[in-house]
Amino acid sequence: MILFSRAVTQKLHEKHEVTEKEVVECFANGEGVYVLDPNEDHQTDPPTLWFMAPTNHNRMLKICFVRRDGNVEIKTAFEPSSPKHLELYRQQAGLPACWPEEE
């Protein structure tokens, strides 16, 4: 199950203009490749994972989450501010250079 705390839902809406529905779409549309967040400021127990995927309306989002007790707890989701985010995900996830345009 994908879980959203009230605080996260509020942050997604107010700060990033992202809906819970869009986050769920990204999980459905993603490659299923999740990478560890290397940022020391984001280290958590359990570890924070992230991925990038398009919504059903082709809006690319970066989704950060933790797995806990068989659930996925969303930490944040937002549109990447730089193409470097997409390239970093491609490299870390082992995806082809053409991703997400073609596979």
N, C-alpha and C. Protein backbone atom coordinates (compact mmCIF):
# COMPACT_ATOMS: atom_id res chain seq x y z
N MET A 1 0.84 -1.17 0.00
CA MET A 1 0.00 0.00 0.00
C MET A 1 0.90 1.25 0.00
N ILE A 2 0.49 2.26 -0.73
CA ILE A 2 1.21 3.53 -0.77
C ILE A 2 0.55 4.46 0.24
N LEU A 3 1.34 4.93 1.21
CA LEU A 3 0.82 5.74 2.29
C LEU A 3 1.34 7.18 2.19
N PHE A 4 0.46 8.11 2.52
CA PHE A 4 0.78 9.54 2.54
C PHE A 4 0.38 10.09 3.91
N SER A 5 1.30 10.69 4.63
CA SER A 5 0.91 11.37 5.87
C SER A 5 0.19 12.66 5.50
N ARG A 6 -0.53 13.21 6.44
CA ARG A 6 -1.20 14.50 6.17
C ARG A 6 -0.19 15.58 5.81
N ALA A 7 0.93 15.60 6.54
CA ALA A 7 1.95 16.62 6.29
C ALA A 7 2.53 16.48 4.88
N VAL A 8 2.76 15.25 4.44
CA VAL A 8 3.30 15.03 3.10
C VAL A 8 2.27 15.43 2.05
N THR A 9 1.03 15.04 2.24
CA THR A 9 -0.02 15.42 1.29
C THR A 9 -0.10 16.94 1.16
N GLN A 10 -0.03 17.62 2.28
CA GLN A 10 -0.09 19.09 2.27
C GLN A 10 1.12 19.67 1.55
N LYS A 11 2.33 19.13 1.83
CA LYS A 11 3.54 19.63 1.17
C LYS A 11 3.46 19.37 -0.33
N LEU A 12 3.02 18.19 -0.73
CA LEU A 12 2.91 17.89 -2.16
C LEU A 12 2.00 18.89 -2.85
N HIS A 13 0.87 19.17 -2.22
CA HIS A 13 -0.11 20.08 -2.81
C HIS A 13 0.40 21.52 -2.82
N GLU A 14 0.84 22.02 -1.67
CA GLU A 14 1.19 23.44 -1.54
C GLU A 14 2.54 23.81 -2.14
N LYS A 15 3.54 22.97 -1.94
CA LYS A 15 4.89 23.31 -2.38
C LYS A 15 5.19 22.83 -3.80
N HIS A 16 4.70 21.63 -4.14
CA HIS A 16 5.09 21.03 -5.42
C HIS A 16 3.95 20.89 -6.43
N GLU A 17 2.72 21.19 -6.01
CA GLU A 17 1.55 21.05 -6.87
C GLU A 17 1.46 19.65 -7.48
N VAL A 18 1.67 18.65 -6.62
CA VAL A 18 1.60 17.24 -7.01
C VAL A 18 0.46 16.59 -6.23
N THR A 19 -0.31 15.76 -6.90
CA THR A 19 -1.41 15.07 -6.24
C THR A 19 -1.01 13.64 -5.88
N GLU A 20 -1.72 13.05 -4.93
CA GLU A 20 -1.50 11.65 -4.58
C GLU A 20 -1.73 10.77 -5.80
N LYS A 21 -2.72 11.10 -6.59
CA LYS A 21 -3.02 10.33 -7.80
C LYS A 21 -1.82 10.31 -8.75
N GLU A 22 -1.15 11.43 -8.90
CA GLU A 22 0.02 11.48 -9.78
C GLU A 22 1.15 10.59 -9.26
N VAL A 23 1.32 10.56 -7.94
CA VAL A 23 2.36 9.70 -7.35
C VAL A 23 2.04 8.23 -7.65
N VAL A 24 0.80 7.84 -7.47
CA VAL A 24 0.39 6.46 -7.75
C VAL A 24 0.62 6.14 -9.23
N GLU A 25 0.29 7.08 -10.10
CA GLU A 25 0.52 6.88 -11.54
C GLU A 25 2.00 6.64 -11.83
N CYS A 26 2.88 7.37 -11.15
CA CYS A 26 4.32 7.20 -11.37
C CYS A 26 4.77 5.79 -10.98
N PHE A 27 4.25 5.27 -9.87
CA PHE A 27 4.59 3.89 -9.51
C PHE A 27 4.11 2.93 -10.59
N ALA A 28 2.93 3.16 -11.14
CA ALA A 28 2.39 2.29 -12.19
C ALA A 28 3.16 2.43 -13.49
N ASN A 29 3.63 3.63 -13.80
CA ASN A 29 4.30 3.89 -15.08
C ASN A 29 5.81 3.73 -15.02
N GLY A 30 6.37 3.57 -13.84
CA GLY A 30 7.83 3.50 -13.68
C GLY A 30 8.41 2.17 -14.12
N GLU A 31 9.72 2.12 -14.10
CA GLU A 31 10.46 0.93 -14.51
C GLU A 31 10.63 -0.07 -13.37
N GLY A 32 10.25 0.33 -12.15
CA GLY A 32 10.42 -0.56 -11.00
C GLY A 32 11.85 -0.62 -10.51
N VAL A 33 12.65 0.38 -10.90
CA VAL A 33 14.04 0.46 -10.46
C VAL A 33 14.14 1.62 -9.48
N TYR A 34 14.45 1.28 -8.23
CA TYR A 34 14.54 2.27 -7.17
C TYR A 34 15.98 2.36 -6.71
N VAL A 35 16.47 3.58 -6.51
CA VAL A 35 17.86 3.77 -6.12
C VAL A 35 17.92 4.43 -4.74
N LEU A 36 19.02 4.17 -4.03
CA LEU A 36 19.22 4.76 -2.72
C LEU A 36 19.54 6.24 -2.86
N ASP A 37 19.03 7.04 -1.95
CA ASP A 37 19.34 8.45 -1.92
C ASP A 37 20.70 8.63 -1.26
N PRO A 38 21.72 9.11 -2.00
CA PRO A 38 23.06 9.22 -1.44
C PRO A 38 23.26 10.46 -0.55
N ASN A 39 22.33 11.39 -0.57
CA ASN A 39 22.46 12.63 0.19
C ASN A 39 22.46 12.34 1.69
N GLU A 40 23.53 12.76 2.38
CA GLU A 40 23.63 12.50 3.82
C GLU A 40 22.48 13.12 4.60
N ASP A 41 21.94 14.23 4.13
CA ASP A 41 20.83 14.89 4.81
C ASP A 41 19.53 14.08 4.71
N HIS A 42 19.48 13.12 3.80
CA HIS A 42 18.25 12.35 3.56
C HIS A 42 18.36 10.91 4.07
N GLN A 43 19.42 10.61 4.83
CA GLN A 43 19.60 9.26 5.33
C GLN A 43 18.56 8.95 6.40
N THR A 44 17.88 7.84 6.23
CA THR A 44 16.81 7.44 7.14
C THR A 44 16.94 5.94 7.43
N ASP A 45 16.20 5.50 8.42
CA ASP A 45 16.11 4.08 8.74
C ASP A 45 14.64 3.73 8.80
N PRO A 46 14.11 3.00 7.82
CA PRO A 46 14.79 2.36 6.69
C PRO A 46 15.28 3.39 5.67
N PRO A 47 16.14 2.95 4.75
CA PRO A 47 16.74 3.88 3.78
C PRO A 47 15.71 4.52 2.85
N THR A 48 16.00 5.76 2.48
CA THR A 48 15.19 6.47 1.50
C THR A 48 15.57 5.99 0.10
N LEU A 49 14.55 5.65 -0.68
CA LEU A 49 14.72 5.26 -2.08
C LEU A 49 14.05 6.30 -2.95
N TRP A 50 14.44 6.35 -4.21
CA TRP A 50 13.79 7.28 -5.13
C TRP A 50 13.82 6.72 -6.55
N PHE A 51 12.94 7.30 -7.36
CA PHE A 51 12.89 6.96 -8.78
C PHE A 51 12.22 8.11 -9.52
N MET A 52 12.29 8.06 -10.82
CA MET A 52 11.61 9.05 -11.65
C MET A 52 10.72 8.30 -12.64
N ALA A 53 9.56 8.87 -12.90
CA ALA A 53 8.63 8.27 -13.85
C ALA A 53 7.62 9.33 -14.27
N PRO A 54 6.99 9.12 -15.42
CA PRO A 54 5.96 10.06 -15.88
C PRO A 54 4.59 9.72 -15.28
N THR A 55 3.78 10.74 -15.11
CA THR A 55 2.37 10.54 -14.77
C THR A 55 1.63 10.13 -16.04
N ASN A 56 0.35 9.88 -15.93
CA ASN A 56 -0.43 9.54 -17.13
C ASN A 56 -0.51 10.68 -18.13
N HIS A 57 -0.21 11.90 -17.66
CA HIS A 57 -0.21 13.06 -18.56
C HIS A 57 1.22 13.48 -18.93
N ASN A 58 2.16 12.52 -18.76
CA ASN A 58 3.56 12.70 -19.16
C ASN A 58 4.29 13.79 -18.37
N ARG A 59 3.88 14.03 -17.15
CA ARG A 59 4.59 14.95 -16.26
C ARG A 59 5.62 14.12 -15.49
N MET A 60 6.89 14.38 -15.70
CA MET A 60 7.95 13.62 -15.05
C MET A 60 8.07 14.07 -13.59
N LEU A 61 8.05 13.10 -12.67
CA LEU A 61 8.19 13.39 -11.25
C LEU A 61 9.30 12.54 -10.64
N LYS A 62 9.95 13.11 -9.64
CA LYS A 62 10.88 12.36 -8.81
C LYS A 62 10.12 12.01 -7.54
N ILE A 63 10.09 10.72 -7.19
CA ILE A 63 9.36 10.23 -6.04
C ILE A 63 10.37 9.69 -5.02
N CYS A 64 10.30 10.17 -3.78
CA CYS A 64 11.17 9.70 -2.70
C CYS A 64 10.29 9.02 -1.66
N PHE A 65 10.73 7.83 -1.20
CA PHE A 65 9.91 7.05 -0.29
C PHE A 65 10.76 6.12 0.56
N VAL A 66 10.13 5.57 1.60
CA VAL A 66 10.75 4.51 2.39
C VAL A 66 9.79 3.32 2.40
N ARG A 67 10.35 2.13 2.54
CA ARG A 67 9.54 0.91 2.69
C ARG A 67 9.51 0.58 4.18
N ARG A 68 8.30 0.41 4.71
CA ARG A 68 8.15 0.09 6.11
C ARG A 68 6.96 -0.84 6.31
N ASP A 69 7.20 -1.96 6.95
CA ASP A 69 6.13 -2.92 7.27
C ASP A 69 5.31 -3.33 6.05
N GLY A 70 5.98 -3.52 4.93
CA GLY A 70 5.29 -3.96 3.71
C GLY A 70 4.59 -2.85 2.95
N ASN A 71 4.71 -1.63 3.44
CA ASN A 71 4.08 -0.48 2.78
C ASN A 71 5.14 0.44 2.20
N VAL A 72 4.71 1.35 1.35
CA VAL A 72 5.55 2.40 0.80
C VAL A 72 5.06 3.71 1.40
N GLU A 73 5.94 4.39 2.15
CA GLU A 73 5.60 5.68 2.75
C GLU A 73 6.25 6.78 1.93
N ILE A 74 5.43 7.62 1.35
CA ILE A 74 5.92 8.71 0.51
C ILE A 74 6.53 9.80 1.39
N LYS A 75 7.73 10.25 1.00
CA LYS A 75 8.38 11.36 1.70
C LYS A 75 8.17 12.67 0.94
N THR A 76 8.32 12.59 -0.40
CA THR A 76 8.10 13.76 -1.23
C THR A 76 7.99 13.33 -2.69
N ALA A 77 7.51 14.24 -3.52
CA ALA A 77 7.43 14.05 -4.96
C ALA A 77 7.42 15.42 -5.60
N PHE A 78 8.18 15.57 -6.67
CA PHE A 78 8.28 16.88 -7.30
C PHE A 78 8.82 16.74 -8.71
N GLU A 79 8.61 17.79 -9.51
CA GLU A 79 9.21 17.85 -10.84
C GLU A 79 10.69 18.17 -10.67
N PRO A 80 11.57 17.42 -11.30
CA PRO A 80 13.00 17.71 -11.17
C PRO A 80 13.31 19.11 -11.69
N SER A 81 14.20 19.79 -10.99
CA SER A 81 14.53 21.17 -11.35
C SER A 81 15.59 21.25 -12.45
N SER A 82 16.21 20.12 -12.77
CA SER A 82 17.30 20.14 -13.73
C SER A 82 17.31 18.83 -14.52
N PRO A 83 17.73 18.88 -15.78
CA PRO A 83 17.89 17.65 -16.55
C PRO A 83 18.93 16.71 -15.91
N LYS A 84 19.79 17.25 -15.05
CA LYS A 84 20.79 16.42 -14.39
C LYS A 84 20.13 15.35 -13.51
N HIS A 85 18.96 15.66 -12.94
CA HIS A 85 18.25 14.66 -12.14
C HIS A 85 17.89 13.44 -12.99
N LEU A 86 17.38 13.70 -14.18
CA LEU A 86 16.99 12.62 -15.08
C LEU A 86 18.21 11.81 -15.50
N GLU A 87 19.29 12.48 -15.82
CA GLU A 87 20.51 11.78 -16.22
C GLU A 87 21.07 10.95 -15.06
N LEU A 88 21.04 11.48 -13.86
CA LEU A 88 21.50 10.74 -12.69
C LEU A 88 20.68 9.48 -12.49
N TYR A 89 19.37 9.61 -12.63
CA TYR A 89 18.51 8.43 -12.49
C TYR A 89 18.81 7.40 -13.58
N ARG A 90 18.94 7.87 -14.81
CA ARG A 90 19.27 6.95 -15.92
C ARG A 90 20.53 6.15 -15.60
N GLN A 91 21.57 6.85 -15.13
CA GLN A 91 22.83 6.19 -14.84
C GLN A 91 22.69 5.21 -13.68
N GLN A 92 22.12 5.66 -12.57
CA GLN A 92 22.03 4.81 -11.38
C GLN A 92 21.09 3.63 -11.58
N ALA A 93 20.06 3.81 -12.39
CA ALA A 93 19.09 2.74 -12.62
C ALA A 93 19.50 1.84 -13.78
N GLY A 94 20.55 2.21 -14.51
CA GLY A 94 21.00 1.41 -15.64
C GLY A 94 20.04 1.44 -16.82
N LEU A 95 19.40 2.57 -17.02
CA LEU A 95 18.44 2.72 -18.12
C LEU A 95 19.14 3.29 -19.36
N PRO A 96 18.62 3.00 -20.56
CA PRO A 96 19.26 3.51 -21.78
C PRO A 96 19.16 5.03 -21.88
N ALA A 97 20.08 5.62 -22.63
CA ALA A 97 20.16 7.07 -22.79
C ALA A 97 18.87 7.65 -23.38
N CYS A 98 18.12 6.85 -24.12
CA CYS A 98 16.89 7.35 -24.74
C CYS A 98 15.71 7.37 -23.76
N TRP A 99 15.87 6.73 -22.59
CA TRP A 99 14.76 6.68 -21.62
C TRP A 99 14.46 8.07 -21.14
N PRO A 100 13.23 8.49 -21.01
CA PRO A 100 12.00 7.73 -21.10
C PRO A 100 11.31 7.83 -22.45
N GLU A 101 11.97 8.43 -23.42
CA GLU A 101 11.34 8.65 -24.72
C GLU A 101 11.07 7.34 -25.44
N GLU A 102 12.04 6.44 -25.45
CA GLU A 102 11.89 5.16 -26.14
C GLU A 102 12.58 4.09 -25.31
N GLU A 103 12.11 2.88 -25.47
CA GLU A 103 12.78 1.77 -24.79
C GLU A 103 13.04 0.65 -25.76
